Amino acid sequence: MPKSKTNPLLPADDLLAVGRDAMRPLAERMRPATLDEMVGQRRLLAPGSALRLSVESGHVHSMVLWGPPGCGKTTLALLLAKYADAEFRAISAVLAGLPEVRQVLAEAGHRFTDGRRTVLFVDEVHRFNKAQQDAFLPHIERGTIIFVGATTENPSFELNSALLSRCRVHVLEAVSSEDIESALQRALDDGERGLGGRGLQVSQEHLHLVAVAADGDVRRALTLLEIAAELAGEGGTITSETLEQVLADRTRRFDKGGEQFYDQISALHKSVRSSNPDAALYWLSRMLDGGCDPLYLARRMTRMAVEDIGLADPRALPMAIDAWDTYERLGSPEGELALAQLVIYLASTAKSNAAHVAFKAAQRDVREYGTQEVPMHLRNAPTKLMKELGYSKGYQYDHDSDGGVALDQTGFPDAMGERIYYRPVDRGMELKLKEKLERLRAEREEVQRGSNPARRKRDD
């Protein structure tokens, strides 16, 4: 093998390999080579855990790895192949179609015939449609491949049941800032794969800032550190000024269409319902920070005003509409203050879902009783014929009755009798409504009981 002219101690091919390695991003160079080098995932990969024992013994199973970006899904798949002495093949559901999938599966079949297993890593597996997911099923069943799918989305929603039944789902968590600091320190100390030979100086405080800015993503943390190292230069110091440049445009994790989105809007809604304005304000800020459409939040908070505050505080609904209108007029950032003010009020005021419950109960009766005839006294009688047929006969005009309510006439179809759907709570404005309605209902019951001989006899 010819020697290199620039470095006679290294063969030319080895020198090229070293050069190629140096060109790889720091995050790729520092990818863990053993389970012990992985940071985070203590629950899943703790010594003696089922998955760790399975990996270390080489008896690995097909699985789906569900977790946020940069938590170690790809690394774990690579280690599975290494410990199982299997061939590693990776495809991305974003880039690959069914022809590429079939080709990879055919190659794995030939390899299996020759006595070697294949770990097939499918990144972003949730982006494959049902037909593409089904293509893996017979190969998983025969053992041709050890299937490892990676997804940031809830597998229950995104993967079909046939694939899930053949795989074990392992949930990976975002890596803590403390664990990310350990990974950054290892990169600084490693002279072979990391930055150890550059003589960089960085304080623990600045390392912590990088770890926090990575927001649970180890790969992102190493990328930020690499950029900071380039700015500092050989033998330089990563200063506060350096980090200001590197971390200026960082964003938090937020998926506008995924489970994280729905988890956060759920947290916002439940914080309002729990009368916790501080928590509600936090989740509102999180979603705005992540790029959620403020008009979507305005719409959802209007729903909260109707569903969870209701008639306990009728002011909540117009306030929600006003905040919505304010944002449409002012935009960001001024309009966001109106949304913040709204969420504080919604969380702080009295709550009642009585109207919501009443509406649902009325809908159930509509479905159960079907198309009931409108009682004659409640029908409209705009023509002479309709009056002759008895339309509107017996109707009592409430304003002419004592107390403004005709208590001895019903508002329901005859087959149903009187029903009670709306039961106000003892909070806010509904307390007064409750007192009034309880009195009217008791009086109506008494009057109608007295005017109905058959019912009076039955009750006796």
Protein backbone atom coordinates (compact mmCIF):
# COMPACT_ATOMS: atom_id res chain seq x y z
CA MET A 1 0.00 0.00 0.00
CA PRO A 2 1.53 3.38 -1.03
CA LYS A 3 2.59 5.83 1.67
CA SER A 4 1.23 9.35 1.82
CA LYS A 5 3.58 12.08 0.61
CA THR A 6 2.33 14.49 3.28
CA ASN A 7 2.52 11.98 6.13
CA PRO A 8 4.83 9.01 5.34
CA LEU A 9 3.74 7.28 8.58
CA LEU A 10 0.18 6.75 7.27
CA PRO A 11 -0.87 4.82 4.16
CA ALA A 12 -2.64 7.04 1.65
CA ASP A 13 -5.98 5.23 2.09
CA ASP A 14 -5.78 5.66 5.88
CA LEU A 15 -5.01 9.33 5.52
CA LEU A 16 -8.03 9.75 3.26
CA ALA A 17 -10.15 7.99 5.88
CA VAL A 18 -8.85 10.35 8.57
CA GLY A 19 -9.64 13.31 6.35
CA ARG A 20 -13.14 12.09 5.68
CA ASP A 21 -13.69 11.52 9.39
CA ALA A 22 -12.59 15.07 10.18
CA MET A 23 -15.10 16.39 7.67
CA ARG A 24 -18.01 14.70 9.45
CA PRO A 25 -20.05 16.84 11.88
CA LEU A 26 -19.09 16.62 15.53
CA ALA A 27 -22.45 15.04 16.40
CA GLU A 28 -21.75 12.21 13.97
CA ARG A 29 -18.16 11.70 15.14
CA MET A 30 -19.27 11.56 18.77
CA ARG A 31 -22.10 9.12 18.17
CA PRO A 32 -21.91 6.54 21.02
CA ALA A 33 -20.10 3.32 20.11
CA THR A 34 -21.41 1.40 23.15
CA LEU A 35 -24.48 1.43 25.35
CA ASP A 36 -22.39 2.90 28.17
CA GLU A 37 -21.63 5.97 26.06
CA MET A 38 -25.31 6.80 25.54
CA VAL A 39 -26.63 9.64 27.67
CA GLY A 40 -30.18 9.76 28.96
CA GLN A 41 -32.71 6.90 28.60
CA ARG A 42 -31.84 5.51 32.04
CA ARG A 43 -35.25 3.91 32.41
CA LEU A 44 -34.96 2.08 29.10
CA LEU A 45 -31.27 1.16 29.11
CA ALA A 46 -30.42 0.84 32.80
CA PRO A 47 -28.18 -2.13 33.69
CA GLY A 48 -30.39 -5.17 34.09
CA SER A 49 -33.32 -3.69 32.13
CA ALA A 50 -35.09 -5.97 29.68
CA LEU A 51 -34.05 -4.03 26.56
CA ARG A 52 -30.42 -3.71 27.65
CA LEU A 53 -30.14 -7.43 28.40
CA SER A 54 -31.71 -8.19 25.03
CA VAL A 55 -29.29 -5.91 23.18
CA GLU A 56 -26.18 -7.10 25.01
CA SER A 57 -27.07 -10.74 24.38
CA GLY A 58 -27.60 -10.06 20.68
CA HIS A 59 -31.17 -11.42 20.84
CA VAL A 60 -32.90 -8.30 19.58
CA HIS A 61 -36.50 -8.02 18.41
CA SER A 62 -38.32 -5.80 15.93
CA MET A 63 -39.33 -2.55 17.54
CA VAL A 64 -40.58 0.99 17.14
CA LEU A 65 -38.60 3.73 18.87
CA TRP A 66 -40.84 6.68 19.73
CA GLY A 67 -39.25 9.87 20.99
CA PRO A 68 -38.31 13.49 20.23
CA PRO A 69 -35.45 14.50 17.91
CA GLY A 70 -31.91 13.93 19.17
CA CYS A 71 -32.81 11.48 21.94
CA GLY A 72 -30.82 8.55 20.51
CA LYS A 73 -33.17 6.60 18.21
CA THR A 74 -30.68 6.23 15.34
CA THR A 75 -27.80 5.53 17.73
CA LEU A 76 -29.75 2.78 19.47
CA ALA A 77 -30.57 1.17 16.13
CA LEU A 78 -26.88 1.19 15.16
CA LEU A 79 -25.95 -0.40 18.49
CA LEU A 80 -28.60 -3.08 18.01
CA ALA A 81 -26.92 -4.09 14.77
CA LYS A 82 -23.45 -3.95 16.35
CA TYR A 83 -24.31 -6.10 19.37
CA ALA A 84 -26.28 -8.57 17.21
CA ASP A 85 -23.45 -8.76 14.63
CA ALA A 86 -26.00 -7.90 11.96
CA GLU A 87 -25.87 -5.82 8.81
CA PHE A 88 -27.24 -2.29 9.30
CA ARG A 89 -29.35 -0.73 6.58
CA ALA A 90 -31.20 2.58 6.90
CA ILE A 91 -33.91 4.18 4.81
CA SER A 92 -35.88 7.37 5.34
CA ALA A 93 -39.63 7.38 4.86
CA VAL A 94 -39.28 10.99 3.71
CA LEU A 95 -37.07 10.05 0.75
CA ALA A 96 -37.77 6.38 -0.04
CA GLY A 97 -40.72 4.97 -1.95
CA LEU A 98 -42.05 1.44 -2.32
CA PRO A 99 -39.46 0.44 -5.02
CA GLU A 100 -36.59 1.36 -2.68
CA VAL A 101 -38.23 -0.53 0.18
CA ARG A 102 -38.62 -3.65 -1.97
CA GLN A 103 -34.99 -3.46 -3.07
CA VAL A 104 -33.71 -3.22 0.52
CA LEU A 105 -35.97 -6.10 1.57
CA ALA A 106 -34.75 -8.25 -1.35
CA GLU A 107 -31.13 -7.63 -0.36
CA ALA A 108 -31.97 -8.54 3.23
CA GLY A 109 -33.57 -11.76 1.97
CA HIS A 110 -30.39 -12.78 0.14
CA ARG A 111 -28.34 -11.92 3.20
CA PHE A 112 -30.66 -14.02 5.38
CA THR A 113 -30.22 -16.97 3.04
CA ASP A 114 -26.45 -16.64 3.51
CA GLY A 115 -26.92 -16.78 7.29
CA ARG A 116 -26.59 -13.09 8.19
CA ARG A 117 -29.31 -10.94 9.71
CA THR A 118 -30.19 -7.35 8.79
CA VAL A 119 -31.25 -4.56 11.09
CA LEU A 120 -33.43 -2.36 8.89
CA PHE A 121 -33.75 1.11 10.36
CA VAL A 122 -36.69 3.11 8.98
CA ASP A 123 -36.45 6.75 9.99
CA GLU A 124 -39.66 8.82 10.17
CA VAL A 125 -41.63 5.58 9.69
CA HIS A 126 -44.91 7.39 10.39
CA ARG A 127 -44.59 9.06 6.99
CA PHE A 128 -45.07 5.74 5.19
CA ASN A 129 -48.65 5.03 4.15
CA LYS A 130 -50.49 1.80 5.00
CA ALA A 131 -49.40 -0.04 1.84
CA GLN A 132 -45.76 0.84 2.43
CA GLN A 133 -45.97 -0.24 6.08
CA ASP A 134 -47.60 -3.53 5.07
CA ALA A 135 -44.61 -4.34 2.85
CA PHE A 136 -42.50 -5.04 5.95
CA LEU A 137 -44.91 -7.48 7.60
CA PRO A 138 -43.97 -10.82 5.98
CA HIS A 139 -40.25 -10.08 6.33
CA ILE A 140 -40.64 -9.31 10.04
CA GLU A 141 -42.63 -12.52 10.53
CA ARG A 142 -40.04 -14.68 8.73
CA GLY A 143 -37.19 -13.02 10.60
CA THR A 144 -35.61 -11.79 7.37
CA ILE A 145 -35.17 -8.39 8.99
CA ILE A 146 -35.02 -6.98 12.48
CA PHE A 147 -37.26 -4.00 11.91
CA VAL A 148 -36.47 -0.80 13.82
CA GLY A 149 -38.81 2.10 13.08
CA ALA A 150 -38.15 5.57 14.44
CA THR A 151 -40.90 8.14 14.90
CA THR A 152 -41.52 11.40 16.68
CA GLU A 153 -45.29 10.84 16.43
CA ASN A 154 -47.57 8.66 18.54
CA PRO A 155 -47.44 5.17 16.95
CA SER A 156 -51.03 4.53 18.04
CA PHE A 157 -52.19 7.17 15.57
CA GLU A 158 -49.60 6.95 12.81
CA LEU A 159 -48.77 3.23 12.40
CA ASN A 160 -51.21 0.54 11.37
CA SER A 161 -52.20 -2.11 13.88
CA ALA A 162 -50.68 -4.98 11.88
CA LEU A 163 -47.21 -3.44 12.10
CA LEU A 164 -47.62 -2.53 15.76
CA SER A 165 -48.67 -6.08 16.63
CA ARG A 166 -45.35 -7.37 15.31
CA CYS A 167 -43.16 -4.79 17.04
CA ARG A 168 -42.46 -3.72 20.58
CA VAL A 169 -42.88 0.02 21.14
CA HIS A 170 -40.14 1.64 23.24
CA VAL A 171 -40.66 5.21 24.41
CA LEU A 172 -37.54 7.40 24.51
CA GLU A 173 -37.50 10.66 26.45
CA ALA A 174 -35.94 14.03 25.77
CA VAL A 175 -32.44 14.06 27.26
CA SER A 176 -32.01 16.19 30.38
CA SER A 177 -29.70 19.21 30.31
CA GLU A 178 -27.45 17.50 32.88
CA ASP A 179 -26.98 14.48 30.61
CA ILE A 180 -26.42 16.74 27.61
CA GLU A 181 -23.68 18.54 29.57
CA SER A 182 -21.98 15.16 30.06
CA ALA A 183 -22.09 14.55 26.30
CA LEU A 184 -20.64 18.02 25.63
CA GLN A 185 -17.86 17.50 28.15
CA ARG A 186 -16.99 14.16 26.56
CA ALA A 187 -16.73 15.87 23.17
CA LEU A 188 -14.42 18.51 24.64
CA ASP A 189 -12.20 15.85 26.26
CA ASP A 190 -12.06 13.40 23.35
CA GLY A 191 -8.94 14.10 21.32
CA GLU A 192 -9.65 11.43 18.70
CA ARG A 193 -13.30 11.97 17.75
CA GLY A 194 -14.08 15.26 19.49
CA LEU A 195 -12.52 18.65 20.16
CA GLY A 196 -9.91 17.54 22.68
CA GLY A 197 -6.94 18.50 20.54
CA ARG A 198 -7.96 22.12 19.98
CA GLY A 199 -7.12 23.50 23.41
CA LEU A 200 -10.55 25.10 23.79
CA GLN A 201 -11.51 26.85 27.00
CA VAL A 202 -15.15 26.88 28.11
CA SER A 203 -16.65 27.37 31.55
CA GLN A 204 -19.18 24.99 33.08
CA GLU A 205 -21.68 27.84 33.11
CA HIS A 206 -21.38 28.33 29.35
CA LEU A 207 -21.55 24.60 28.77
CA HIS A 208 -24.78 24.56 30.76
CA LEU A 209 -26.22 27.35 28.56
CA VAL A 210 -25.54 25.27 25.45
CA ALA A 211 -27.14 22.20 27.06
CA VAL A 212 -30.28 24.12 28.00
CA ALA A 213 -30.52 25.73 24.56
CA ALA A 214 -30.44 22.28 22.95
CA ASP A 215 -33.88 21.61 24.48
CA GLY A 216 -33.38 17.88 25.05
CA ASP A 217 -31.63 17.23 21.72
CA VAL A 218 -28.07 15.87 22.07
CA ARG A 219 -27.36 16.21 18.36
CA ARG A 220 -28.38 19.84 18.44
CA ALA A 221 -26.19 20.49 21.49
CA LEU A 222 -23.11 19.06 19.79
CA THR A 223 -23.84 21.11 16.68
CA LEU A 224 -24.09 24.29 18.75
CA LEU A 225 -20.82 23.44 20.50
CA GLU A 226 -19.11 22.82 17.19
CA ILE A 227 -20.23 26.20 15.83
CA ALA A 228 -19.04 27.91 19.02
CA ALA A 229 -15.67 26.13 18.73
CA GLU A 230 -15.27 27.34 15.15
CA LEU A 231 -15.96 30.92 16.22
CA ALA A 232 -13.54 30.66 19.15
CA GLY A 233 -10.76 29.26 16.97
CA GLU A 234 -7.85 26.96 17.84
CA GLY A 235 -6.88 27.37 21.49
CA GLY A 236 -9.56 30.01 21.97
CA THR A 237 -12.19 30.56 24.64
CA ILE A 238 -15.92 30.15 24.19
CA THR A 239 -17.16 33.38 25.78
CA SER A 240 -20.57 34.87 26.50
CA GLU A 241 -20.22 36.95 23.33
CA THR A 242 -19.56 33.78 21.33
CA LEU A 243 -22.68 32.09 22.72
CA GLU A 244 -24.79 35.17 22.03
CA GLN A 245 -24.06 34.65 18.34
CA VAL A 246 -24.53 30.89 18.41
CA LEU A 247 -27.72 30.80 20.49
CA ALA A 248 -29.40 33.91 19.13
CA ASP A 249 -32.00 32.19 16.93
CA ARG A 250 -32.66 29.03 18.89
CA THR A 251 -36.23 27.72 19.10
CA ARG A 252 -37.97 25.26 21.36
CA ARG A 253 -39.36 21.92 20.17
CA PHE A 254 -42.89 22.27 18.82
CA ASP A 255 -44.69 20.27 16.15
CA LYS A 256 -47.61 22.26 14.79
CA GLY A 257 -49.43 19.18 13.57
CA GLY A 258 -48.25 16.43 15.87
CA GLU A 259 -48.93 15.01 19.27
CA GLN A 260 -46.81 17.63 21.01
CA PHE A 261 -49.18 20.27 19.64
CA TYR A 262 -52.27 18.50 20.97
CA ASP A 263 -50.61 17.75 24.31
CA GLN A 264 -49.90 21.43 24.82
CA ILE A 265 -53.36 22.69 23.84
CA SER A 266 -54.76 20.04 26.18
CA ALA A 267 -52.53 21.35 28.97
CA LEU A 268 -53.69 24.92 28.28
CA HIS A 269 -57.38 23.95 28.31
CA LYS A 270 -57.08 21.87 31.48
CA SER A 271 -55.15 24.61 33.27
CA VAL A 272 -57.96 27.06 32.52
CA ARG A 273 -60.52 24.52 33.70
CA SER A 274 -58.53 23.98 36.92
CA SER A 275 -58.55 27.75 37.64
CA ASN A 276 -54.76 27.95 37.46
CA PRO A 277 -54.00 31.22 35.62
CA ASP A 278 -50.24 30.85 36.07
CA ALA A 279 -50.11 27.43 34.41
CA ALA A 280 -52.52 28.58 31.69
CA LEU A 281 -50.31 31.59 30.95
CA TYR A 282 -47.25 29.32 30.76
CA TRP A 283 -48.83 26.98 28.19
CA LEU A 284 -50.13 29.90 26.16
CA SER A 285 -46.59 31.34 26.09
CA ARG A 286 -45.13 27.93 25.16
CA MET A 287 -47.44 27.58 22.20
CA LEU A 288 -46.89 31.13 20.97
CA ASP A 289 -43.14 30.65 21.34
CA GLY A 290 -43.33 27.46 19.28
CA GLY A 291 -45.07 29.19 16.40
CA CYS A 292 -48.68 28.20 17.02
CA ASP A 293 -51.16 30.35 15.10
CA PRO A 294 -52.46 32.90 17.65
CA LEU A 295 -55.87 32.91 15.94
CA TYR A 296 -56.14 29.17 16.61
CA LEU A 297 -55.49 29.89 20.28
CA ALA A 298 -58.10 32.67 20.24
CA ARG A 299 -60.64 30.24 18.79
CA ARG A 300 -59.83 27.56 21.37
CA MET A 301 -60.11 30.03 24.25
CA THR A 302 -63.49 31.16 22.93
CA ARG A 303 -64.55 27.54 23.15
CA MET A 304 -63.31 27.43 26.75
CA ALA A 305 -65.40 30.51 27.53
CA VAL A 306 -68.50 28.68 26.31
CA GLU A 307 -67.76 25.14 27.46
CA ASP A 308 -66.04 25.63 30.82
CA ILE A 309 -67.11 29.06 32.07
CA GLY A 310 -70.55 29.17 30.49
CA LEU A 311 -73.28 31.02 32.34
CA ALA A 312 -71.30 31.15 35.58
CA ASP A 313 -69.75 34.27 34.02
CA PRO A 314 -71.49 35.42 30.80
CA ARG A 315 -68.84 38.15 30.43
CA ALA A 316 -66.23 35.54 29.43
CA LEU A 317 -67.62 34.93 25.94
CA PRO A 318 -67.71 38.58 24.76
CA MET A 319 -64.26 39.05 26.32
CA ALA A 320 -62.98 36.11 24.25
CA ILE A 321 -64.49 37.55 21.07
CA ASP A 322 -62.96 40.95 21.89
CA ALA A 323 -59.49 39.42 22.44
CA TRP A 324 -59.82 37.53 19.14
CA ASP A 325 -60.82 40.73 17.35
CA THR A 326 -58.00 42.65 19.03
CA TYR A 327 -55.39 40.22 17.76
CA GLU A 328 -56.81 40.38 14.23
CA ARG A 329 -56.58 44.17 14.36
CA LEU A 330 -53.15 44.54 16.00
CA GLY A 331 -51.31 41.34 15.10
CA SER A 332 -48.12 40.29 16.87
CA PRO A 333 -46.72 41.16 19.34
CA GLU A 334 -49.28 43.71 20.59
CA GLY A 335 -52.28 41.45 20.08
CA GLU A 336 -50.70 38.64 22.08
CA LEU A 337 -51.16 40.69 25.25
CA ALA A 338 -54.93 40.58 24.68
CA LEU A 339 -54.73 36.76 24.48
CA ALA A 340 -52.65 36.67 27.67
CA GLN A 341 -55.18 38.88 29.45
CA LEU A 342 -57.99 36.63 28.24
CA VAL A 343 -56.39 33.39 29.41
CA ILE A 344 -55.76 34.88 32.87
CA TYR A 345 -59.40 35.93 33.15
CA LEU A 346 -60.78 32.61 31.90
CA ALA A 347 -58.66 30.68 34.39
CA SER A 348 -59.50 33.01 37.28
CA THR A 349 -63.27 33.36 36.94
CA ALA A 350 -66.12 31.06 38.04
CA LYS A 351 -66.60 27.84 36.06
CA SER A 352 -69.65 25.90 34.95
CA ASN A 353 -70.23 23.31 32.26
CA ALA A 354 -73.96 23.11 33.07
CA ALA A 355 -75.01 24.59 29.72
CA HIS A 356 -72.72 22.15 27.89
CA VAL A 357 -74.12 19.18 29.83
CA ALA A 358 -77.71 20.39 29.27
CA PHE A 359 -77.17 20.69 25.52
CA LYS A 360 -75.76 17.16 25.31
CA ALA A 361 -78.72 15.80 27.29
CA ALA A 362 -81.20 17.54 24.97
CA GLN A 363 -79.39 16.10 21.94
CA ARG A 364 -79.66 12.59 23.42
CA ASP A 365 -83.42 13.01 23.85
CA VAL A 366 -83.76 14.23 20.26
CA ARG A 367 -82.07 11.04 19.06
CA GLU A 368 -84.04 8.80 21.44
CA TYR A 369 -87.55 10.19 20.88
CA GLY A 370 -87.26 10.85 17.17
CA THR A 371 -89.55 13.27 15.34
CA GLN A 372 -92.18 14.19 17.91
CA GLU A 373 -95.16 16.33 16.95
CA VAL A 374 -95.16 19.89 18.23
CA PRO A 375 -98.00 20.28 20.78
CA MET A 376 -101.00 22.09 19.30
CA HIS A 377 -100.82 25.02 21.71
CA LEU A 378 -97.21 25.74 20.69
CA ARG A 379 -97.84 25.67 16.94
CA ASN A 380 -97.92 28.76 14.78
CA ALA A 381 -101.34 29.73 13.34
CA PRO A 382 -100.88 32.39 10.66
CA THR A 383 -103.96 31.31 8.57
CA LYS A 384 -107.67 30.83 9.22
CA LEU A 385 -107.49 27.13 8.28
CA MET A 386 -104.72 26.46 10.75
CA LYS A 387 -106.73 28.16 13.51
CA GLU A 388 -109.74 26.03 12.61
CA LEU A 389 -107.57 22.92 12.88
CA GLY A 390 -106.64 23.86 16.43
CA TYR A 391 -103.18 25.29 15.84
CA SER A 392 -102.14 27.51 18.79
CA LYS A 393 -105.38 26.67 20.64
CA GLY A 394 -104.98 26.91 24.39
CA TYR A 395 -101.70 28.81 24.25
CA GLN A 396 -101.28 31.24 27.14
CA TYR A 397 -99.32 34.42 26.51
CA ASP A 398 -96.81 34.40 29.37
CA HIS A 399 -96.62 38.18 29.70
CA ASP A 400 -100.32 38.24 30.57
CA SER A 401 -99.92 35.61 33.31
CA ASP A 402 -99.25 36.28 36.98
CA GLY A 403 -95.50 36.53 37.51
CA GLY A 404 -94.91 36.58 33.75
CA VAL A 405 -94.92 32.76 33.41
CA ALA A 406 -97.81 30.50 32.38
CA LEU A 407 -97.00 27.62 34.70
CA ASP A 408 -99.73 25.20 33.60
CA GLN A 409 -98.59 24.76 29.99
CA THR A 410 -95.78 22.48 28.85
CA GLY A 411 -93.07 23.23 26.34
CA PHE A 412 -92.38 19.59 25.41
CA PRO A 413 -94.05 17.06 23.10
CA ASP A 414 -96.80 15.12 24.86
CA ALA A 415 -94.92 11.81 24.69
CA MET A 416 -91.97 13.22 26.61
CA GLY A 417 -93.48 15.14 29.50
CA GLU A 418 -91.49 17.81 31.28
CA ARG A 419 -87.71 17.32 31.17
CA ILE A 420 -84.87 18.97 33.09
CA TYR A 421 -81.59 19.36 31.25
CA TYR A 422 -80.08 22.53 32.66
CA ARG A 423 -78.93 22.30 36.27
CA PRO A 424 -77.04 25.47 37.23
CA VAL A 425 -74.13 25.21 39.65
CA ASP A 426 -73.66 27.12 42.91
CA ARG A 427 -71.01 29.40 41.40
CA GLY A 428 -70.92 32.83 39.85
CA MET A 429 -73.97 34.18 38.04
CA GLU A 430 -75.50 30.71 37.85
CA LEU A 431 -76.24 30.79 41.56
CA LYS A 432 -79.02 33.33 40.92
CA LEU A 433 -80.24 31.40 37.89
CA LYS A 434 -80.39 28.26 40.00
CA GLU A 435 -82.52 29.92 42.66
CA LYS A 436 -84.97 31.26 40.08
CA LEU A 437 -85.26 28.05 38.07
CA GLU A 438 -85.68 25.85 41.12
CA ARG A 439 -88.58 28.05 42.24
CA LEU A 440 -90.22 28.07 38.79
CA ARG A 441 -89.79 24.34 38.31
CA ALA A 442 -91.32 23.58 41.71
CA GLU A 443 -94.29 25.89 41.00
CA ARG A 444 -94.78 24.43 37.51
CA GLU A 445 -94.70 20.90 38.95
CA GLU A 446 -97.29 21.83 41.57
CA VAL A 447 -99.63 23.60 39.10
CA GLN A 448 -99.42 20.89 36.46
CA ARG A 449 -99.95 18.18 39.08
CA GLY A 450 -103.11 19.94 40.25
CA SER A 451 -104.47 20.47 36.72
CA ASN A 452 -103.95 16.83 35.65
CA PRO A 453 -106.49 14.55 37.44
CA ALA A 454 -105.01 11.37 35.96
CA ARG A 455 -101.55 12.23 37.19
CA ARG A 456 -102.89 13.31 40.59
CA LYS A 457 -104.69 9.98 41.00
CA ARG A 458 -101.56 8.06 39.88
CA ASP A 459 -99.35 9.94 42.36
CA ASP A 460 -101.83 9.26 45.18
